[in-house]
Amino acid sequence: DFNFSQEQDMVRKTVREYAEAELAPIVEDLDRWGHIPPEVLQELASIGLLGVTTESQFGGIDADPV
């Protein structure tokens, strides 16, 4: 089965929505700065995107790498 699971689709949707709403408007700035500002990393962490493959016992969401 090569279809995404419901969990994978949820993560994919969350990433897409965040990227379109928050990163797309500043993508040129991010490229010019050469780093991701701490406030962006904090936002990514708050919606669970920095620990996607990290086990839940360590604060992640325990998802597979796909």
PDB file of N, CA and C in Angstrom:
ATOM      1  N   ASP A   1       0.848  -1.185   0.000  1.00  0.00           N
ATOM      2  CA  ASP A   1       0.000   0.000   0.000  1.00  0.00           C
ATOM      3  C   ASP A   1       0.891   1.244   0.000  1.00  0.00           C
ATOM      4  N   PHE A   2       0.791   2.030  -1.046  1.00  0.00           N
ATOM      5  CA  PHE A   2       1.625   3.222  -1.184  1.00  0.00           C
ATOM      6  C   PHE A   2       0.867   4.505  -0.873  1.00  0.00           C
ATOM      7  N   ASN A   3      -0.300   4.382  -0.276  1.00  0.00           N
ATOM      8  CA  ASN A   3      -1.076   5.560   0.114  1.00  0.00           C
ATOM      9  C   ASN A   3      -0.605   6.054   1.471  1.00  0.00           C
ATOM     10  N   PHE A   4      -0.756   7.348   1.695  1.00  0.00           N
ATOM     11  CA  PHE A   4      -0.437   7.901   3.005  1.00  0.00           C
ATOM     12  C   PHE A   4      -1.482   7.453   4.015  1.00  0.00           C
ATOM     13  N   SER A   5      -1.041   7.262   5.260  1.00  0.00           N
ATOM     14  CA  SER A   5      -1.982   6.959   6.337  1.00  0.00           C
ATOM     15  C   SER A   5      -2.703   8.250   6.727  1.00  0.00           C
ATOM     16  N   GLN A   6      -3.743   8.127   7.538  1.00  0.00           N
ATOM     17  CA  GLN A   6      -4.451   9.324   8.004  1.00  0.00           C
ATOM     18  C   GLN A   6      -3.510  10.237   8.789  1.00  0.00           C
ATOM     19  N   GLU A   7      -2.651   9.646   9.600  1.00  0.00           N
ATOM     20  CA  GLU A   7      -1.698  10.435  10.386  1.00  0.00           C
ATOM     21  C   GLU A   7      -0.722  11.177   9.472  1.00  0.00           C
ATOM     22  N   GLN A   8      -0.218  10.497   8.453  1.00  0.00           N
ATOM     23  CA  GLN A   8       0.700  11.135   7.511  1.00  0.00           C
ATOM     24  C   GLN A   8       0.009  12.271   6.761  1.00  0.00           C
ATOM     25  N   ASP A   9      -1.232  12.050   6.364  1.00  0.00           N
ATOM     26  CA  ASP A   9      -1.989  13.109   5.689  1.00  0.00           C
ATOM     27  C   ASP A   9      -2.197  14.313   6.599  1.00  0.00           C
ATOM     28  N   MET A  10      -2.449  14.054   7.891  1.00  0.00           N
ATOM     29  CA  MET A  10      -2.652  15.140   8.843  1.00  0.00           C
ATOM     30  C   MET A  10      -1.370  15.968   8.991  1.00  0.00           C
ATOM     31  N   VAL A  11      -0.237  15.292   9.128  1.00  0.00           N
ATOM     32  CA  VAL A  11       1.042  16.002   9.255  1.00  0.00           C
ATOM     33  C   VAL A  11       1.324  16.783   7.979  1.00  0.00           C
ATOM     34  N   ARG A  12       1.101  16.150   6.838  1.00  0.00           N
ATOM     35  CA  ARG A  12       1.334  16.815   5.550  1.00  0.00           C
ATOM     36  C   ARG A  12       0.463  18.063   5.410  1.00  0.00           C
ATOM     37  N   LYS A  13      -0.797  17.967   5.796  1.00  0.00           N
ATOM     38  CA  LYS A  13      -1.711  19.110   5.724  1.00  0.00           C
ATOM     39  C   LYS A  13      -1.258  20.229   6.661  1.00  0.00           C
ATOM     40  N   THR A  14      -0.863  19.863   7.870  1.00  0.00           N
ATOM     41  CA  THR A  14      -0.398  20.854   8.844  1.00  0.00           C
ATOM     42  C   THR A  14       0.837  21.585   8.332  1.00  0.00           C
ATOM     43  N   VAL A  15       1.790  20.840   7.790  1.00  0.00           N
ATOM     44  CA  VAL A  15       3.017  21.443   7.261  1.00  0.00           C
ATOM     45  C   VAL A  15       2.695  22.367   6.092  1.00  0.00           C
ATOM     46  N   ARG A  16       1.850  21.907   5.179  1.00  0.00           N
ATOM     47  CA  ARG A  16       1.500  22.716   4.012  1.00  0.00           C
ATOM     48  C   ARG A  16       0.817  24.020   4.433  1.00  0.00           C
ATOM     49  N   GLU A  17      -0.160  23.920   5.335  1.00  0.00           N
ATOM     50  CA  GLU A  17      -0.882  25.117   5.776  1.00  0.00           C
ATOM     51  C   GLU A  17       0.053  26.100   6.469  1.00  0.00           C
ATOM     52  N   TYR A  18       0.938  25.584   7.316  1.00  0.00           N
ATOM     53  CA  TYR A  18       1.878  26.460   8.010  1.00  0.00           C
ATOM     54  C   TYR A  18       2.826  27.118   7.012  1.00  0.00           C
ATOM     55  N   ALA A  19       3.370  26.337   6.109  1.00  0.00           N
ATOM     56  CA  ALA A  19       4.326  26.875   5.134  1.00  0.00           C
ATOM     57  C   ALA A  19       3.684  27.933   4.250  1.00  0.00           C
ATOM     58  N   GLU A  20       2.467  27.675   3.795  1.00  0.00           N
ATOM     59  CA  GLU A  20       1.793  28.646   2.932  1.00  0.00           C
ATOM     60  C   GLU A  20       1.451  29.929   3.682  1.00  0.00           C
ATOM     61  N   ALA A  21       1.002  29.791   4.921  1.00  0.00           N
ATOM     62  CA  ALA A  21       0.564  30.962   5.682  1.00  0.00           C
ATOM     63  C   ALA A  21       1.716  31.745   6.302  1.00  0.00           C
ATOM     64  N   GLU A  22       2.714  31.040   6.813  1.00  0.00           N
ATOM     65  CA  GLU A  22       3.752  31.698   7.610  1.00  0.00           C
ATOM     66  C   GLU A  22       5.109  31.820   6.915  1.00  0.00           C
ATOM     67  N   LEU A  23       5.489  30.837   6.140  1.00  0.00           N
ATOM     68  CA  LEU A  23       6.826  30.852   5.546  1.00  0.00           C
ATOM     69  C   LEU A  23       6.864  31.458   4.149  1.00  0.00           C
ATOM     70  N   ALA A  24       5.847  31.202   3.358  1.00  0.00           N
ATOM     71  CA  ALA A  24       5.841  31.727   1.985  1.00  0.00           C
ATOM     72  C   ALA A  24       6.040  33.242   1.941  1.00  0.00           C
ATOM     73  N   PRO A  25       5.368  34.007   2.819  1.00  0.00           N
ATOM     74  CA  PRO A  25       5.551  35.461   2.760  1.00  0.00           C
ATOM     75  C   PRO A  25       6.969  35.937   3.108  1.00  0.00           C
ATOM     76  N   ILE A  26       7.731  35.106   3.824  1.00  0.00           N
ATOM     77  CA  ILE A  26       9.073  35.541   4.247  1.00  0.00           C
ATOM     78  C   ILE A  26      10.183  34.668   3.663  1.00  0.00           C
ATOM     79  N   VAL A  27       9.858  33.842   2.678  1.00  0.00           N
ATOM     80  CA  VAL A  27      10.843  32.887   2.167  1.00  0.00           C
ATOM     81  C   VAL A  27      12.098  33.577   1.627  1.00  0.00           C
ATOM     82  N   GLU A  28      11.950  34.708   0.969  1.00  0.00           N
ATOM     83  CA  GLU A  28      13.136  35.410   0.462  1.00  0.00           C
ATOM     84  C   GLU A  28      13.983  35.948   1.606  1.00  0.00           C
ATOM     85  N   ASP A  29      13.335  36.430   2.661  1.00  0.00           N
ATOM     86  CA  ASP A  29      14.072  36.889   3.840  1.00  0.00           C
ATOM     87  C   ASP A  29      14.829  35.728   4.483  1.00  0.00           C
ATOM     88  N   LEU A  30      14.166  34.588   4.626  1.00  0.00           N
ATOM     89  CA  LEU A  30      14.823  33.422   5.220  1.00  0.00           C
ATOM     90  C   LEU A  30      16.062  33.038   4.425  1.00  0.00           C
ATOM     91  N   ASP A  31      15.952  33.077   3.113  1.00  0.00           N
ATOM     92  CA  ASP A  31      17.088  32.745   2.252  1.00  0.00           C
ATOM     93  C   ASP A  31      18.217  33.756   2.436  1.00  0.00           C
ATOM     94  N   ARG A  32      17.862  35.017   2.499  1.00  0.00           N
ATOM     95  CA  ARG A  32      18.870  36.069   2.654  1.00  0.00           C
ATOM     96  C   ARG A  32      19.530  35.993   4.031  1.00  0.00           C
ATOM     97  N   TRP A  33      18.737  35.735   5.062  1.00  0.00           N
ATOM     98  CA  TRP A  33      19.274  35.663   6.419  1.00  0.00           C
ATOM     99  C   TRP A  33      20.185  34.456   6.603  1.00  0.00           C
ATOM    100  N   GLY A  34      19.891  33.369   5.903  1.00  0.00           N
ATOM    101  CA  GLY A  34      20.701  32.164   6.025  1.00  0.00           C
ATOM    102  C   GLY A  34      20.441  31.361   7.283  1.00  0.00           C
ATOM    103  N   HIS A  35      19.380  31.686   7.983  1.00  0.00           N
ATOM    104  CA  HIS A  35      19.007  30.923   9.174  1.00  0.00           C
ATOM    105  C   HIS A  35      17.511  31.077   9.422  1.00  0.00           C
ATOM    106  N   ILE A  36      17.005  30.229  10.285  1.00  0.00           N
ATOM    107  CA  ILE A  36      15.596  30.310  10.667  1.00  0.00           C
ATOM    108  C   ILE A  36      15.531  31.031  12.005  1.00  0.00           C
ATOM    109  N   PRO A  37      14.793  32.136  12.080  1.00  0.00           N
ATOM    110  CA  PRO A  37      14.707  32.885  13.333  1.00  0.00           C
ATOM    111  C   PRO A  37      14.119  32.040  14.470  1.00  0.00           C
ATOM    112  N   PRO A  38      14.557  32.294  15.697  1.00  0.00           N
ATOM    113  CA  PRO A  38      14.072  31.525  16.844  1.00  0.00           C
ATOM    114  C   PRO A  38      12.551  31.529  16.978  1.00  0.00           C
ATOM    115  N   GLU A  39      11.911  32.645  16.650  1.00  0.00           N
ATOM    116  CA  GLU A  39      10.452  32.687  16.790  1.00  0.00           C
ATOM    117  C   GLU A  39       9.760  31.729  15.818  1.00  0.00           C
ATOM    118  N   VAL A  40      10.347  31.525  14.651  1.00  0.00           N
ATOM    119  CA  VAL A  40       9.785  30.556  13.694  1.00  0.00           C
ATOM    120  C   VAL A  40       9.982  29.142  14.237  1.00  0.00           C
ATOM    121  N   LEU A  41      11.158  28.859  14.779  1.00  0.00           N
ATOM    122  CA  LEU A  41      11.403  27.546  15.373  1.00  0.00           C
ATOM    123  C   LEU A  41      10.460  27.288  16.542  1.00  0.00           C
ATOM    124  N   GLN A  42      10.187  28.320  17.341  1.00  0.00           N
ATOM    125  CA  GLN A  42       9.250  28.166  18.458  1.00  0.00           C
ATOM    126  C   GLN A  42       7.848  27.850  17.958  1.00  0.00           C
ATOM    127  N   GLU A  43       7.428  28.509  16.878  1.00  0.00           N
ATOM    128  CA  GLU A  43       6.116  28.221  16.297  1.00  0.00           C
ATOM    129  C   GLU A  43       6.064  26.789  15.781  1.00  0.00           C
ATOM    130  N   LEU A  44       7.109  26.362  15.079  1.00  0.00           N
ATOM    131  CA  LEU A  44       7.158  24.989  14.571  1.00  0.00           C
ATOM    132  C   LEU A  44       7.091  23.980  15.718  1.00  0.00           C
ATOM    133  N   ALA A  45       7.798  24.267  16.796  1.00  0.00           N
ATOM    134  CA  ALA A  45       7.766  23.382  17.961  1.00  0.00           C
ATOM    135  C   ALA A  45       6.381  23.364  18.594  1.00  0.00           C
ATOM    136  N   SER A  46       5.733  24.523  18.665  1.00  0.00           N
ATOM    137  CA  SER A  46       4.424  24.599  19.326  1.00  0.00           C
ATOM    138  C   SER A  46       3.345  23.813  18.588  1.00  0.00           C
ATOM    139  N   ILE A  47       3.511  23.629  17.273  1.00  0.00           N
ATOM    140  CA  ILE A  47       2.529  22.831  16.537  1.00  0.00           C
ATOM    141  C   ILE A  47       3.039  21.410  16.286  1.00  0.00           C
ATOM    142  N   GLY A  48       4.138  21.048  16.939  1.00  0.00           N
ATOM    143  CA  GLY A  48       4.625  19.678  16.913  1.00  0.00           C
ATOM    144  C   GLY A  48       5.442  19.278  15.708  1.00  0.00           C
ATOM    145  N   LEU A  49       5.956  20.235  14.962  1.00  0.00           N
ATOM    146  CA  LEU A  49       6.659  19.884  13.733  1.00  0.00           C
ATOM    147  C   LEU A  49       8.161  19.697  13.895  1.00  0.00           C
ATOM    148  N   LEU A  50       8.706  19.995  15.052  1.00  0.00           N
ATOM    149  CA  LEU A  50      10.138  19.753  15.245  1.00  0.00           C
ATOM    150  C   LEU A  50      10.401  18.362  15.803  1.00  0.00           C
ATOM    151  N   GLY A  51       9.377  17.735  16.337  1.00  0.00           N
ATOM    152  CA  GLY A  51       9.549  16.409  16.913  1.00  0.00           C
ATOM    153  C   GLY A  51       8.701  15.357  16.240  1.00  0.00           C
ATOM    154  N   VAL A  52       8.515  15.491  14.945  1.00  0.00           N
ATOM    155  CA  VAL A  52       7.619  14.580  14.227  1.00  0.00           C
ATOM    156  C   VAL A  52       8.033  13.124  14.426  1.00  0.00           C
ATOM    157  N   THR A  53       9.299  12.808  14.267  1.00  0.00           N
ATOM    158  CA  THR A  53       9.736  11.415  14.388  1.00  0.00           C
ATOM    159  C   THR A  53      10.276  11.077  15.778  1.00  0.00           C
ATOM    160  N   THR A  54      10.225  12.031  16.692  1.00  0.00           N
ATOM    161  CA  THR A  54      10.679  11.793  18.058  1.00  0.00           C
ATOM    162  C   THR A  54       9.603  11.031  18.824  1.00  0.00           C
ATOM    163  N   GLU A  55      10.021  10.091  19.640  1.00  0.00           N
ATOM    164  CA  GLU A  55       9.067   9.308  20.419  1.00  0.00           C
ATOM    165  C   GLU A  55       8.270  10.217  21.346  1.00  0.00           C
ATOM    166  N   SER A  56       7.010   9.859  21.559  1.00  0.00           N
ATOM    167  CA  SER A  56       6.125  10.686  22.382  1.00  0.00           C
ATOM    168  C   SER A  56       6.631  10.818  23.815  1.00  0.00           C
ATOM    169  N   GLN A  57       7.322   9.815  24.330  1.00  0.00           N
ATOM    170  CA  GLN A  57       7.846   9.902  25.696  1.00  0.00           C
ATOM    171  C   GLN A  57       8.891  11.006  25.835  1.00  0.00           C
ATOM    172  N   PHE A  58       9.426  11.466  24.688  1.00  0.00           N
ATOM    173  CA  PHE A  58      10.406  12.548  24.701  1.00  0.00           C
ATOM    174  C   PHE A  58       9.829  13.843  24.154  1.00  0.00           C
ATOM    175  N   GLY A  59       8.508  13.917  24.013  1.00  0.00           N
ATOM    176  CA  GLY A  59       7.856  15.145  23.581  1.00  0.00           C
ATOM    177  C   GLY A  59       7.517  15.225  22.112  1.00  0.00           C
ATOM    178  N   GLY A  60       7.797  14.172  21.353  1.00  0.00           N
ATOM    179  CA  GLY A  60       7.478  14.173  19.927  1.00  0.00           C
ATOM    180  C   GLY A  60       6.088  13.630  19.666  1.00  0.00           C
ATOM    181  N   ILE A  61       5.788  13.423  18.393  1.00  0.00           N
ATOM    182  CA  ILE A  61       4.476  12.865  18.059  1.00  0.00           C
ATOM    183  C   ILE A  61       4.589  11.428  17.567  1.00  0.00           C
ATOM    184  N   ASP A  62       5.806  10.866  17.606  1.00  0.00           N
ATOM    185  CA  ASP A  62       6.012   9.447  17.358  1.00  0.00           C
ATOM    186  C   ASP A  62       5.560   9.005  15.968  1.00  0.00           C
ATOM    187  N   ALA A  63       5.715   9.880  14.989  1.00  0.00           N
ATOM    188  CA  ALA A  63       5.305   9.547  13.622  1.00  0.00           C
ATOM    189  C   ALA A  63       6.459   8.876  12.880  1.00  0.00           C
ATOM    190  N   ASP A  64       6.117   8.209  11.788  1.00  0.00           N
ATOM    191  CA  ASP A  64       7.173   7.592  10.992  1.00  0.00           C
ATOM    192  C   ASP A  64       7.855   8.654  10.127  1.00  0.00           C
ATOM    193  N   PRO A  65       9.024   8.358   9.574  1.00  0.00           N
ATOM    194  CA  PRO A  65       9.783   9.364   8.823  1.00  0.00           C
ATOM    195  C   PRO A  65       9.162   9.805   7.505  1.00  0.00           C
ATOM    196  N   VAL A  66       8.175   9.093   7.003  1.00  0.00           N
ATOM    197  CA  VAL A  66       7.539   9.474   5.739  1.00  0.00           C
ATOM    198  C   VAL A  66       6.727  10.705   5.983  1.00  0.00           C
TER     199      VAL A  66
END
